[in-house]
Amino acid sequence: MPISVVVQNASGGLPTSDDAALWGEELELTFPVLADPSGSFYETWDPAGILPVAFIIDPEGVVAWSEAGGAGGLEEIEAQVTALLGGD
């Protein structure tokens, strides 16, 4: 199951569950949006603080691809998912 994490402001205060609910509502997201009030997720997954950062995690829970800085954008993510699924 794919997950998405939305960070509104990584340099501001830590988010609350109310923040996460508001972001999901405002962005009309169709997947769960979680808050990281301790900051531990951010420290683990983006220790260099380079945003945006994207990961593709395979069904076994292993990071199959990652990109920091958003250079490839959505097209690159789509190409990587397609390749990992055995497409092009």
N, C-alpha and C. Protein backbone atom coordinates (compact mmCIF):
# COMPACT_ATOMS: atom_id res chain seq x y z
N MET A 1 0.84 -1.16 0.00
CA MET A 1 0.00 0.00 0.00
C MET A 1 0.89 1.23 0.00
N PRO A 2 0.70 2.13 -0.96
CA PRO A 2 1.50 3.36 -0.98
C PRO A 2 1.07 4.30 0.14
N ILE A 3 2.04 5.05 0.64
CA ILE A 3 1.73 6.09 1.61
C ILE A 3 2.32 7.40 1.12
N SER A 4 1.75 8.46 1.55
CA SER A 4 2.28 9.79 1.23
C SER A 4 2.41 10.56 2.52
N VAL A 5 3.45 11.35 2.60
CA VAL A 5 3.65 12.20 3.76
C VAL A 5 3.73 13.63 3.24
N VAL A 6 2.93 14.49 3.80
CA VAL A 6 2.93 15.89 3.40
C VAL A 6 3.55 16.70 4.53
N VAL A 7 4.58 17.47 4.22
CA VAL A 7 5.18 18.35 5.20
C VAL A 7 4.85 19.77 4.77
N GLN A 8 4.14 20.48 5.61
CA GLN A 8 3.77 21.84 5.25
C GLN A 8 4.91 22.81 5.49
N ASN A 9 5.57 22.67 6.62
CA ASN A 9 6.62 23.62 6.95
C ASN A 9 7.62 22.93 7.87
N ALA A 10 8.66 22.37 7.30
CA ALA A 10 9.63 21.61 8.08
C ALA A 10 10.46 22.50 8.99
N SER A 11 10.51 23.79 8.75
CA SER A 11 11.33 24.66 9.59
C SER A 11 10.52 25.30 10.72
N GLY A 12 9.21 25.08 10.73
CA GLY A 12 8.37 25.67 11.77
C GLY A 12 8.22 24.74 12.95
N GLY A 13 7.22 24.98 13.73
CA GLY A 13 6.95 24.16 14.90
C GLY A 13 6.49 22.76 14.50
N LEU A 14 6.51 21.86 15.46
CA LEU A 14 6.09 20.50 15.20
C LEU A 14 4.58 20.45 15.00
N PRO A 15 4.11 19.62 14.05
CA PRO A 15 2.68 19.57 13.74
C PRO A 15 1.90 18.81 14.81
N THR A 16 0.62 19.08 14.86
CA THR A 16 -0.28 18.35 15.74
C THR A 16 -1.22 17.51 14.89
N SER A 17 -1.97 16.63 15.52
CA SER A 17 -2.94 15.84 14.76
C SER A 17 -4.00 16.74 14.15
N ASP A 18 -4.31 17.87 14.80
CA ASP A 18 -5.26 18.82 14.21
C ASP A 18 -4.69 19.43 12.93
N ASP A 19 -3.37 19.73 12.92
CA ASP A 19 -2.72 20.23 11.70
C ASP A 19 -2.87 19.22 10.58
N ALA A 20 -2.60 17.96 10.87
CA ALA A 20 -2.67 16.91 9.85
C ALA A 20 -4.08 16.81 9.28
N ALA A 21 -5.08 16.85 10.14
CA ALA A 21 -6.47 16.78 9.68
C ALA A 21 -6.80 17.96 8.78
N LEU A 22 -6.33 19.15 9.16
CA LEU A 22 -6.59 20.35 8.37
C LEU A 22 -5.92 20.27 7.00
N TRP A 23 -4.65 19.80 6.95
CA TRP A 23 -3.95 19.67 5.67
C TRP A 23 -4.70 18.71 4.76
N GLY A 24 -5.10 17.57 5.30
CA GLY A 24 -5.83 16.59 4.51
C GLY A 24 -7.11 17.16 3.94
N GLU A 25 -7.82 17.91 4.77
CA GLU A 25 -9.07 18.52 4.34
C GLU A 25 -8.83 19.60 3.28
N GLU A 26 -7.88 20.51 3.55
CA GLU A 26 -7.61 21.61 2.62
C GLU A 26 -7.10 21.13 1.27
N LEU A 27 -6.28 20.07 1.29
CA LEU A 27 -5.71 19.54 0.05
C LEU A 27 -6.59 18.49 -0.61
N GLU A 28 -7.73 18.18 0.04
CA GLU A 28 -8.67 17.17 -0.46
C GLU A 28 -7.97 15.84 -0.71
N LEU A 29 -7.13 15.43 0.25
CA LEU A 29 -6.38 14.19 0.11
C LEU A 29 -7.29 13.00 0.39
N THR A 30 -7.04 11.91 -0.33
CA THR A 30 -7.88 10.72 -0.20
C THR A 30 -7.18 9.62 0.59
N PHE A 31 -6.06 9.95 1.24
CA PHE A 31 -5.32 8.99 2.04
C PHE A 31 -5.10 9.58 3.43
N PRO A 32 -4.80 8.72 4.41
CA PRO A 32 -4.59 9.23 5.77
C PRO A 32 -3.41 10.21 5.82
N VAL A 33 -3.56 11.25 6.60
CA VAL A 33 -2.49 12.23 6.82
C VAL A 33 -2.15 12.19 8.30
N LEU A 34 -0.90 11.95 8.60
CA LEU A 34 -0.46 11.81 9.98
C LEU A 34 0.45 12.96 10.38
N ALA A 35 0.47 13.28 11.64
CA ALA A 35 1.38 14.29 12.18
C ALA A 35 2.58 13.58 12.80
N ASP A 36 3.70 14.28 12.85
CA ASP A 36 4.92 13.77 13.50
C ASP A 36 5.27 14.73 14.64
N PRO A 37 4.49 14.71 15.73
CA PRO A 37 4.70 15.70 16.78
C PRO A 37 6.03 15.60 17.50
N SER A 38 6.70 14.46 17.42
CA SER A 38 8.01 14.34 18.07
C SER A 38 9.16 14.73 17.15
N GLY A 39 8.90 14.80 15.84
CA GLY A 39 9.94 15.11 14.88
C GLY A 39 10.81 13.92 14.53
N SER A 40 10.51 12.74 15.04
CA SER A 40 11.36 11.57 14.80
C SER A 40 11.28 11.06 13.37
N PHE A 41 10.10 11.16 12.74
CA PHE A 41 9.98 10.71 11.35
C PHE A 41 10.88 11.56 10.46
N TYR A 42 10.81 12.85 10.63
CA TYR A 42 11.59 13.78 9.81
C TYR A 42 13.09 13.53 9.98
N GLU A 43 13.53 13.36 11.22
CA GLU A 43 14.96 13.12 11.48
C GLU A 43 15.44 11.82 10.85
N THR A 44 14.60 10.80 10.84
CA THR A 44 14.97 9.49 10.29
C THR A 44 14.98 9.49 8.77
N TRP A 45 13.97 10.07 8.16
CA TRP A 45 13.80 9.96 6.71
C TRP A 45 14.41 11.11 5.92
N ASP A 46 14.71 12.21 6.54
CA ASP A 46 15.32 13.34 5.82
C ASP A 46 16.35 14.03 6.72
N PRO A 47 17.39 13.29 7.14
CA PRO A 47 18.35 13.86 8.10
C PRO A 47 19.10 15.08 7.56
N ALA A 48 19.26 15.19 6.24
CA ALA A 48 19.96 16.34 5.67
C ALA A 48 19.05 17.55 5.54
N GLY A 49 17.75 17.36 5.74
CA GLY A 49 16.80 18.47 5.67
C GLY A 49 16.59 19.00 4.27
N ILE A 50 16.70 18.13 3.26
CA ILE A 50 16.51 18.53 1.87
C ILE A 50 15.08 18.20 1.46
N LEU A 51 14.30 19.22 1.17
CA LEU A 51 12.91 19.02 0.76
C LEU A 51 12.71 19.40 -0.69
N PRO A 52 11.82 18.78 -1.40
CA PRO A 52 11.08 17.60 -0.95
C PRO A 52 11.94 16.35 -1.03
N VAL A 53 11.51 15.33 -0.32
CA VAL A 53 12.17 14.04 -0.39
C VAL A 53 11.09 13.00 -0.67
N ALA A 54 11.40 12.04 -1.53
CA ALA A 54 10.43 11.02 -1.92
C ALA A 54 11.07 9.64 -1.81
N PHE A 55 10.28 8.68 -1.38
CA PHE A 55 10.73 7.30 -1.26
C PHE A 55 9.70 6.39 -1.90
N ILE A 56 10.17 5.32 -2.53
CA ILE A 56 9.30 4.23 -2.95
C ILE A 56 9.72 3.03 -2.11
N ILE A 57 8.77 2.48 -1.38
CA ILE A 57 9.04 1.36 -0.49
C ILE A 57 8.35 0.13 -1.07
N ASP A 58 9.12 -0.95 -1.26
CA ASP A 58 8.57 -2.15 -1.88
C ASP A 58 7.68 -2.92 -0.89
N PRO A 59 6.98 -3.96 -1.37
CA PRO A 59 6.07 -4.70 -0.49
C PRO A 59 6.74 -5.34 0.72
N GLU A 60 8.05 -5.54 0.67
CA GLU A 60 8.77 -6.10 1.81
C GLU A 60 9.21 -5.04 2.81
N GLY A 61 8.89 -3.77 2.53
CA GLY A 61 9.26 -2.69 3.42
C GLY A 61 10.65 -2.14 3.20
N VAL A 62 11.27 -2.45 2.06
CA VAL A 62 12.62 -1.99 1.74
C VAL A 62 12.53 -0.77 0.82
N VAL A 63 13.36 0.23 1.08
CA VAL A 63 13.39 1.40 0.21
C VAL A 63 13.95 0.98 -1.15
N ALA A 64 13.12 1.04 -2.17
CA ALA A 64 13.52 0.64 -3.52
C ALA A 64 14.06 1.81 -4.34
N TRP A 65 13.71 3.03 -3.95
CA TRP A 65 14.15 4.22 -4.68
C TRP A 65 13.93 5.42 -3.78
N SER A 66 14.80 6.42 -3.92
CA SER A 66 14.61 7.67 -3.19
C SER A 66 15.19 8.82 -3.98
N GLU A 67 14.70 10.00 -3.68
CA GLU A 67 15.18 11.21 -4.34
C GLU A 67 15.01 12.38 -3.37
N ALA A 68 16.03 13.18 -3.24
CA ALA A 68 15.94 14.39 -2.41
C ALA A 68 16.06 15.61 -3.30
N GLY A 69 15.28 16.61 -3.01
CA GLY A 69 15.35 17.85 -3.76
C GLY A 69 14.34 17.98 -4.88
N GLY A 70 13.63 16.91 -5.20
CA GLY A 70 12.56 16.98 -6.18
C GLY A 70 12.98 17.21 -7.62
N ALA A 71 14.21 16.87 -7.97
CA ALA A 71 14.70 17.15 -9.32
C ALA A 71 13.88 16.48 -10.42
N GLY A 72 13.48 15.23 -10.19
CA GLY A 72 12.75 14.50 -11.22
C GLY A 72 11.26 14.74 -11.23
N GLY A 73 10.72 15.16 -10.13
CA GLY A 73 9.30 15.46 -10.03
C GLY A 73 8.42 14.22 -10.16
N LEU A 74 7.15 14.47 -10.36
CA LEU A 74 6.18 13.38 -10.45
C LEU A 74 6.44 12.44 -11.61
N GLU A 75 6.97 12.98 -12.70
CA GLU A 75 7.27 12.13 -13.86
C GLU A 75 8.32 11.07 -13.51
N GLU A 76 9.33 11.47 -12.75
CA GLU A 76 10.38 10.53 -12.34
C GLU A 76 9.82 9.48 -11.39
N ILE A 77 8.98 9.90 -10.47
CA ILE A 77 8.37 8.95 -9.53
C ILE A 77 7.51 7.95 -10.30
N GLU A 78 6.71 8.43 -11.23
CA GLU A 78 5.87 7.54 -12.03
C GLU A 78 6.72 6.54 -12.82
N ALA A 79 7.82 7.00 -13.40
CA ALA A 79 8.70 6.12 -14.17
C ALA A 79 9.32 5.06 -13.26
N GLN A 80 9.71 5.43 -12.06
CA GLN A 80 10.29 4.47 -11.13
C GLN A 80 9.27 3.44 -10.68
N VAL A 81 8.05 3.87 -10.37
CA VAL A 81 7.00 2.93 -9.97
C VAL A 81 6.69 1.98 -11.11
N THR A 82 6.58 2.50 -12.31
CA THR A 82 6.29 1.67 -13.49
C THR A 82 7.41 0.62 -13.67
N ALA A 83 8.64 1.06 -13.56
CA ALA A 83 9.77 0.12 -13.72
C ALA A 83 9.76 -0.94 -12.63
N LEU A 84 9.48 -0.54 -11.40
CA LEU A 84 9.45 -1.51 -10.29
C LEU A 84 8.31 -2.50 -10.42
N LEU A 85 7.25 -2.09 -11.08
CA LEU A 85 6.11 -2.98 -11.30
C LEU A 85 6.29 -3.87 -12.53
N GLY A 86 7.45 -3.72 -13.19
CA GLY A 86 7.74 -4.55 -14.35
C GLY A 86 7.29 -3.96 -15.67
N GLY A 87 6.92 -2.71 -15.67
CA GLY A 87 6.53 -2.03 -16.91
C GLY A 87 7.76 -1.55 -17.65
N ASP A 88 7.58 -0.64 -18.56
CA ASP A 88 8.64 -0.06 -19.39
C ASP A 88 9.96 -0.22 -18.74
